[in-house]
N, C-alpha and C. Protein backbone atom coordinates (compact mmCIF):
# COMPACT_ATOMS: atom_id res chain seq x y z
N UNK A 1 165.42 -7.92 -62.35
CA UNK A 1 164.04 -8.25 -62.65
C UNK A 1 163.12 -7.72 -61.56
N UNK A 2 163.56 -7.81 -60.31
CA UNK A 2 162.71 -7.36 -59.21
C UNK A 2 162.52 -5.85 -59.27
N UNK A 3 163.57 -5.10 -59.70
CA UNK A 3 163.44 -3.65 -59.81
C UNK A 3 162.42 -3.27 -60.87
N UNK A 4 162.42 -4.01 -61.96
CA UNK A 4 161.44 -3.74 -63.02
C UNK A 4 160.03 -3.98 -62.52
N UNK A 5 159.83 -5.04 -61.76
CA UNK A 5 158.49 -5.33 -61.22
C UNK A 5 158.05 -4.26 -60.22
N UNK A 6 158.97 -3.79 -59.40
CA UNK A 6 158.65 -2.72 -58.46
C UNK A 6 158.30 -1.45 -59.23
N UNK A 7 159.11 -1.12 -60.25
CA UNK A 7 158.83 0.05 -61.08
C UNK A 7 157.45 -0.08 -61.74
N UNK A 8 157.17 -1.23 -62.30
CA UNK A 8 155.89 -1.45 -62.96
C UNK A 8 154.72 -1.28 -62.00
N UNK A 9 154.86 -1.81 -60.79
CA UNK A 9 153.80 -1.67 -59.79
C UNK A 9 153.58 -0.19 -59.44
N UNK A 10 154.68 0.54 -59.19
CA UNK A 10 154.57 1.95 -58.83
C UNK A 10 153.98 2.75 -59.98
N UNK A 11 154.41 2.46 -61.21
CA UNK A 11 153.89 3.17 -62.38
C UNK A 11 152.38 2.96 -62.53
N UNK A 12 151.93 1.75 -62.41
CA UNK A 12 150.50 1.47 -62.56
C UNK A 12 149.71 2.10 -61.42
N UNK A 13 150.23 2.01 -60.20
CA UNK A 13 149.54 2.59 -59.05
C UNK A 13 149.41 4.10 -59.19
N UNK A 14 150.51 4.79 -59.52
CA UNK A 14 150.48 6.25 -59.64
C UNK A 14 149.59 6.67 -60.81
N UNK A 15 149.67 5.97 -61.92
CA UNK A 15 148.82 6.29 -63.07
C UNK A 15 147.35 6.07 -62.74
N UNK A 16 147.04 5.01 -62.01
CA UNK A 16 145.66 4.73 -61.60
C UNK A 16 145.13 5.85 -60.71
N UNK A 17 145.92 6.26 -59.72
CA UNK A 17 145.50 7.33 -58.82
C UNK A 17 145.33 8.65 -59.57
N UNK A 18 146.22 8.94 -60.50
CA UNK A 18 146.12 10.16 -61.30
C UNK A 18 144.84 10.13 -62.14
N UNK A 19 144.55 8.99 -62.77
CA UNK A 19 143.35 8.86 -63.59
C UNK A 19 142.09 8.97 -62.73
N UNK A 20 142.14 8.45 -61.52
CA UNK A 20 140.99 8.54 -60.63
C UNK A 20 140.67 10.00 -60.28
N UNK A 21 141.71 10.80 -60.11
CA UNK A 21 141.51 12.21 -59.73
C UNK A 21 141.19 13.08 -60.95
N UNK A 22 141.93 12.91 -62.03
CA UNK A 22 141.83 13.82 -63.17
C UNK A 22 141.06 13.26 -64.36
N UNK A 23 140.45 12.13 -64.26
CA UNK A 23 139.65 11.46 -65.30
C UNK A 23 140.56 10.94 -66.42
N UNK A 24 140.05 10.00 -67.22
CA UNK A 24 140.86 9.48 -68.33
C UNK A 24 141.25 10.55 -69.35
N UNK A 25 140.39 11.55 -69.56
CA UNK A 25 140.74 12.62 -70.49
C UNK A 25 141.93 13.43 -69.96
N UNK A 26 141.97 13.67 -68.64
CA UNK A 26 143.11 14.35 -68.03
C UNK A 26 144.39 13.55 -68.18
N UNK A 27 144.27 12.23 -68.06
CA UNK A 27 145.43 11.35 -68.26
C UNK A 27 145.93 11.44 -69.70
N UNK A 28 145.00 11.46 -70.64
CA UNK A 28 145.36 11.59 -72.04
C UNK A 28 146.09 12.90 -72.29
N UNK A 29 145.57 14.01 -71.72
CA UNK A 29 146.22 15.31 -71.90
C UNK A 29 147.61 15.34 -71.24
N UNK A 30 147.74 14.68 -70.09
CA UNK A 30 149.04 14.64 -69.41
C UNK A 30 150.07 13.88 -70.25
N UNK A 31 149.66 12.76 -70.82
CA UNK A 31 150.57 11.98 -71.67
C UNK A 31 150.96 12.77 -72.90
N UNK A 32 150.00 13.43 -73.51
CA UNK A 32 150.27 14.23 -74.71
C UNK A 32 151.19 15.41 -74.40
N UNK A 33 150.88 16.13 -73.33
CA UNK A 33 151.69 17.31 -72.97
C UNK A 33 153.12 16.91 -72.59
N UNK A 34 153.26 15.83 -71.83
CA UNK A 34 154.61 15.43 -71.43
C UNK A 34 155.42 14.92 -72.62
N UNK A 35 154.78 14.27 -73.58
CA UNK A 35 155.50 13.81 -74.78
C UNK A 35 155.98 15.00 -75.60
N UNK A 36 155.13 16.00 -75.76
CA UNK A 36 155.53 17.20 -76.51
C UNK A 36 156.66 17.92 -75.79
N UNK A 37 156.54 18.05 -74.47
CA UNK A 37 157.59 18.70 -73.68
C UNK A 37 158.91 17.93 -73.75
N UNK A 38 158.84 16.60 -73.69
CA UNK A 38 160.04 15.78 -73.81
C UNK A 38 160.72 15.93 -75.16
N UNK A 39 159.94 15.99 -76.22
CA UNK A 39 160.53 16.18 -77.56
C UNK A 39 161.18 17.56 -77.68
N UNK A 40 160.54 18.57 -77.09
CA UNK A 40 161.15 19.91 -77.11
C UNK A 40 162.48 19.91 -76.35
N UNK A 41 162.52 19.20 -75.24
CA UNK A 41 163.77 19.14 -74.46
C UNK A 41 164.87 18.42 -75.23
N UNK A 42 164.51 17.37 -75.93
CA UNK A 42 165.51 16.65 -76.74
C UNK A 42 166.06 17.55 -77.83
N UNK A 43 165.17 18.33 -78.46
CA UNK A 43 165.61 19.22 -79.54
C UNK A 43 166.50 20.35 -79.04
N UNK A 44 166.30 20.80 -77.79
CA UNK A 44 167.08 21.92 -77.26
C UNK A 44 168.15 21.47 -76.28
N UNK A 45 168.49 20.21 -76.30
CA UNK A 45 169.49 19.69 -75.37
C UNK A 45 170.86 20.30 -75.60
N UNK A 46 171.17 20.67 -76.83
CA UNK A 46 172.49 21.25 -77.12
C UNK A 46 172.70 22.58 -76.39
N UNK A 47 171.64 23.37 -76.21
CA UNK A 47 171.77 24.64 -75.48
C UNK A 47 172.05 24.38 -74.00
N UNK A 48 171.39 23.39 -73.46
CA UNK A 48 171.60 23.03 -72.06
C UNK A 48 173.03 22.51 -71.85
N UNK A 49 173.51 21.70 -72.78
CA UNK A 49 174.87 21.18 -72.67
C UNK A 49 175.90 22.30 -72.82
N UNK A 50 175.62 23.29 -73.67
CA UNK A 50 176.55 24.42 -73.83
C UNK A 50 176.62 25.23 -72.54
N UNK A 51 175.48 25.40 -71.88
CA UNK A 51 175.48 26.13 -70.60
C UNK A 51 176.26 25.35 -69.54
N UNK A 52 176.06 24.05 -69.50
CA UNK A 52 176.80 23.23 -68.52
C UNK A 52 178.30 23.23 -68.83
N UNK A 53 178.65 23.28 -70.11
CA UNK A 53 180.07 23.32 -70.48
C UNK A 53 180.70 24.63 -70.02
N UNK A 54 179.95 25.73 -70.14
CA UNK A 54 180.45 27.01 -69.65
C UNK A 54 180.68 26.96 -68.14
N UNK A 55 179.74 26.35 -67.42
CA UNK A 55 179.88 26.22 -65.97
C UNK A 55 181.10 25.36 -65.62
N UNK A 56 181.36 24.33 -66.42
CA UNK A 56 182.52 23.48 -66.17
C UNK A 56 183.82 24.25 -66.47
N UNK A 57 183.81 25.06 -67.52
CA UNK A 57 185.01 25.82 -67.86
C UNK A 57 185.32 26.87 -66.80
N UNK A 58 184.29 27.39 -66.14
CA UNK A 58 184.50 28.35 -65.06
C UNK A 58 184.70 27.67 -63.72
N UNK A 59 184.84 26.34 -63.76
CA UNK A 59 185.10 25.50 -62.59
C UNK A 59 184.01 25.61 -61.52
N UNK A 60 182.77 25.81 -61.97
CA UNK A 60 181.64 25.80 -61.04
C UNK A 60 181.16 24.37 -60.79
N UNK A 61 181.37 23.50 -61.78
CA UNK A 61 181.02 22.08 -61.63
C UNK A 61 182.20 21.25 -62.11
N UNK A 62 182.28 20.01 -61.65
CA UNK A 62 183.37 19.13 -62.05
C UNK A 62 183.04 18.45 -63.38
N UNK A 63 184.02 17.76 -63.91
CA UNK A 63 183.83 17.06 -65.18
C UNK A 63 182.81 15.93 -65.02
N UNK A 64 182.84 15.24 -63.91
CA UNK A 64 181.88 14.16 -63.66
C UNK A 64 180.47 14.71 -63.56
N UNK A 65 180.33 15.86 -62.90
CA UNK A 65 179.00 16.48 -62.80
C UNK A 65 178.50 16.91 -64.17
N UNK A 66 179.39 17.44 -65.01
CA UNK A 66 179.00 17.83 -66.36
C UNK A 66 178.45 16.65 -67.14
N UNK A 67 179.16 15.53 -67.06
CA UNK A 67 178.72 14.33 -67.78
C UNK A 67 177.39 13.83 -67.24
N UNK A 68 177.28 13.79 -65.92
CA UNK A 68 176.04 13.26 -65.33
C UNK A 68 174.86 14.19 -65.58
N UNK A 69 175.08 15.51 -65.55
CA UNK A 69 173.98 16.44 -65.81
C UNK A 69 173.47 16.26 -67.23
N UNK A 70 174.39 16.16 -68.20
CA UNK A 70 173.98 15.95 -69.59
C UNK A 70 173.25 14.64 -69.77
N UNK A 71 173.78 13.60 -69.14
CA UNK A 71 173.16 12.28 -69.25
C UNK A 71 171.78 12.29 -68.59
N UNK A 72 171.68 12.90 -67.41
CA UNK A 72 170.40 12.91 -66.71
C UNK A 72 169.36 13.72 -67.48
N UNK A 73 169.76 14.83 -68.08
CA UNK A 73 168.79 15.61 -68.84
C UNK A 73 168.30 14.84 -70.07
N UNK A 74 169.18 14.11 -70.71
CA UNK A 74 168.78 13.33 -71.87
C UNK A 74 167.85 12.19 -71.47
N UNK A 75 168.23 11.45 -70.44
CA UNK A 75 167.39 10.34 -69.97
C UNK A 75 166.06 10.87 -69.46
N UNK A 76 166.08 12.01 -68.78
CA UNK A 76 164.84 12.62 -68.31
C UNK A 76 163.91 13.01 -69.44
N UNK A 77 164.48 13.53 -70.53
CA UNK A 77 163.66 13.89 -71.69
C UNK A 77 163.05 12.63 -72.32
N UNK A 78 163.82 11.55 -72.38
CA UNK A 78 163.29 10.29 -72.91
C UNK A 78 162.16 9.78 -72.02
N UNK A 79 162.34 9.88 -70.70
CA UNK A 79 161.29 9.43 -69.78
C UNK A 79 160.02 10.27 -69.92
N UNK A 80 160.16 11.54 -70.27
CA UNK A 80 158.97 12.36 -70.49
C UNK A 80 158.19 11.91 -71.73
N UNK A 81 158.89 11.38 -72.70
CA UNK A 81 158.21 10.91 -73.92
C UNK A 81 157.47 9.60 -73.65
N UNK A 82 158.01 8.77 -72.77
CA UNK A 82 157.39 7.48 -72.45
C UNK A 82 156.10 7.74 -71.65
N UNK A 83 154.99 7.11 -72.03
CA UNK A 83 153.74 7.35 -71.31
C UNK A 83 153.79 6.81 -69.88
N UNK A 84 153.21 7.55 -68.97
CA UNK A 84 153.14 7.15 -67.57
C UNK A 84 153.40 8.33 -66.66
N UNK A 85 152.68 8.40 -65.58
CA UNK A 85 152.80 9.53 -64.66
C UNK A 85 154.09 9.44 -63.85
N UNK A 86 154.42 8.26 -63.35
CA UNK A 86 155.64 8.10 -62.55
C UNK A 86 156.89 8.40 -63.38
N UNK A 87 156.92 7.93 -64.62
CA UNK A 87 158.07 8.22 -65.48
C UNK A 87 158.15 9.71 -65.79
N UNK A 88 157.00 10.38 -65.89
CA UNK A 88 157.02 11.82 -66.12
C UNK A 88 157.56 12.57 -64.90
N UNK A 89 157.21 12.10 -63.72
CA UNK A 89 157.74 12.73 -62.50
C UNK A 89 159.26 12.56 -62.45
N UNK A 90 159.74 11.35 -62.73
CA UNK A 90 161.19 11.12 -62.75
C UNK A 90 161.86 11.96 -63.83
N UNK A 91 161.23 12.03 -65.00
CA UNK A 91 161.78 12.83 -66.10
C UNK A 91 161.88 14.30 -65.75
N UNK A 92 160.87 14.82 -65.06
CA UNK A 92 160.92 16.23 -64.64
C UNK A 92 162.00 16.46 -63.60
N UNK A 93 162.14 15.54 -62.66
CA UNK A 93 163.20 15.69 -61.65
C UNK A 93 164.58 15.68 -62.28
N UNK A 94 164.76 14.87 -63.31
CA UNK A 94 166.07 14.78 -63.96
C UNK A 94 166.42 16.03 -64.76
N UNK A 95 165.47 16.90 -64.99
CA UNK A 95 165.76 18.12 -65.75
C UNK A 95 166.44 19.19 -64.90
N UNK A 96 166.41 19.03 -63.59
CA UNK A 96 167.02 20.01 -62.70
C UNK A 96 168.47 19.63 -62.41
N UNK A 97 169.36 20.62 -62.54
CA UNK A 97 170.79 20.38 -62.32
C UNK A 97 171.08 19.92 -60.90
N UNK A 98 170.28 20.38 -59.95
CA UNK A 98 170.50 20.02 -58.55
C UNK A 98 170.38 18.51 -58.37
N UNK A 99 169.39 17.92 -59.00
CA UNK A 99 169.18 16.48 -58.89
C UNK A 99 170.34 15.72 -59.54
N UNK A 100 170.76 16.16 -60.73
CA UNK A 100 171.88 15.51 -61.41
C UNK A 100 173.18 15.64 -60.64
N UNK A 101 173.42 16.82 -60.07
CA UNK A 101 174.64 17.03 -59.29
C UNK A 101 174.63 16.18 -58.03
N UNK A 102 173.46 16.09 -57.40
CA UNK A 102 173.35 15.31 -56.17
C UNK A 102 173.63 13.83 -56.44
N UNK A 103 173.08 13.31 -57.52
CA UNK A 103 173.31 11.91 -57.86
C UNK A 103 174.76 11.70 -58.28
N UNK A 104 175.33 12.67 -59.00
CA UNK A 104 176.73 12.55 -59.43
C UNK A 104 177.66 12.51 -58.23
N UNK A 105 177.41 13.36 -57.25
CA UNK A 105 178.27 13.37 -56.07
C UNK A 105 178.12 12.08 -55.26
N UNK A 106 176.93 11.49 -55.29
CA UNK A 106 176.70 10.29 -54.50
C UNK A 106 177.29 9.05 -55.16
N UNK A 107 177.15 8.93 -56.48
CA UNK A 107 177.53 7.69 -57.16
C UNK A 107 178.86 7.75 -57.90
N UNK A 108 179.28 8.92 -58.34
CA UNK A 108 180.54 9.01 -59.07
C UNK A 108 181.66 9.37 -58.11
N UNK A 109 182.76 8.65 -58.20
CA UNK A 109 183.90 8.95 -57.36
C UNK A 109 184.83 9.88 -58.11
N UNK A 110 185.31 10.92 -57.46
CA UNK A 110 186.22 11.83 -58.15
C UNK A 110 187.57 11.16 -58.41
N UNK A 111 188.21 11.59 -59.48
CA UNK A 111 189.52 11.04 -59.81
C UNK A 111 190.54 11.50 -58.78
N UNK A 112 191.60 10.71 -58.63
CA UNK A 112 192.67 11.09 -57.72
C UNK A 112 193.34 12.34 -58.25
N UNK A 113 193.46 13.32 -57.41
CA UNK A 113 194.11 14.56 -57.82
C UNK A 113 195.53 14.58 -57.28
N UNK A 114 196.37 15.35 -57.91
CA UNK A 114 197.75 15.48 -57.51
C UNK A 114 197.82 16.32 -56.25
N UNK A 115 198.39 15.78 -55.20
CA UNK A 115 198.55 16.51 -53.95
C UNK A 115 199.86 17.27 -54.00
N UNK A 116 199.77 18.55 -53.90
CA UNK A 116 200.95 19.40 -53.99
C UNK A 116 201.71 19.40 -52.68
N UNK A 117 203.03 19.31 -52.79
CA UNK A 117 203.89 19.36 -51.62
C UNK A 117 203.90 20.81 -51.10
N UNK A 118 203.68 21.03 -49.81
CA UNK A 118 203.63 22.41 -49.31
C UNK A 118 204.97 23.14 -49.46
N UNK A 119 206.08 22.41 -49.55
CA UNK A 119 207.39 23.05 -49.69
C UNK A 119 207.80 23.19 -51.15
N UNK A 120 206.95 22.76 -52.06
CA UNK A 120 207.30 22.78 -53.47
C UNK A 120 207.38 24.21 -54.02
N UNK A 121 206.68 25.15 -53.42
CA UNK A 121 206.69 26.52 -53.91
C UNK A 121 208.05 27.19 -53.72
N UNK A 122 208.86 26.66 -52.79
CA UNK A 122 210.17 27.25 -52.53
C UNK A 122 211.22 26.80 -53.54
N UNK A 123 210.92 25.84 -54.36
CA UNK A 123 211.89 25.29 -55.31
C UNK A 123 211.69 25.94 -56.67
N UNK A 124 212.77 26.43 -57.22
CA UNK A 124 212.74 27.00 -58.56
C UNK A 124 213.54 26.08 -59.45
N UNK A 125 212.90 25.55 -60.47
CA UNK A 125 213.55 24.63 -61.38
C UNK A 125 214.06 25.43 -62.57
N UNK A 126 215.39 25.44 -62.77
CA UNK A 126 215.99 26.23 -63.82
C UNK A 126 216.90 25.33 -64.64
N UNK A 127 216.87 25.54 -65.95
CA UNK A 127 217.76 24.80 -66.83
C UNK A 127 218.60 25.82 -67.58
N UNK A 128 219.92 25.69 -67.51
CA UNK A 128 220.83 26.62 -68.16
C UNK A 128 221.37 25.95 -69.40
N UNK A 129 221.17 26.64 -70.51
CA UNK A 129 221.68 26.15 -71.79
C UNK A 129 222.79 27.09 -72.24
N UNK A 130 223.95 26.53 -72.43
CA UNK A 130 225.09 27.35 -72.86
C UNK A 130 225.23 27.24 -74.36
N UNK A 131 225.32 28.37 -74.99
CA UNK A 131 225.51 28.42 -76.43
C UNK A 131 226.99 28.70 -76.69
N UNK A 132 227.70 27.80 -77.35
CA UNK A 132 229.14 27.90 -77.55
C UNK A 132 229.48 28.90 -78.65
N UNK A 133 228.51 29.33 -79.45
CA UNK A 133 228.77 30.26 -80.54
C UNK A 133 228.77 31.71 -80.05
N UNK A 134 228.26 31.99 -78.88
CA UNK A 134 228.19 33.36 -78.36
C UNK A 134 229.50 33.68 -77.65
N UNK A 135 230.10 34.85 -77.95
CA UNK A 135 231.37 35.25 -77.34
C UNK A 135 231.19 36.40 -76.42
């Protein structure tokens, strides 16, 4: 509850300052433009996810980063549709892969990976199958 109140205070303060500088008509245009931009991002989210999937397949990003980038882009697009200057700033930040990757590395823990034994490369595992019908 306290986080919501802090968010609400920051949203009202930033929107008030924006309106003071750019007039109420500028605020109206900002809300309209960000809503249109957010809807366009939602409609083209599949292209962004396909690009991130290619990056994951080429092992440029991890699976956790892929999930977080897709989630952050979707949530960011929703925030752009919601009226408010602070939510639009957050929505724009979430559209950048750098921000999503940074948050993913900070909050998501990587899965335990198999640690390879350094002497394992010297072992050759062979199975011999004898066929009794061959003479």
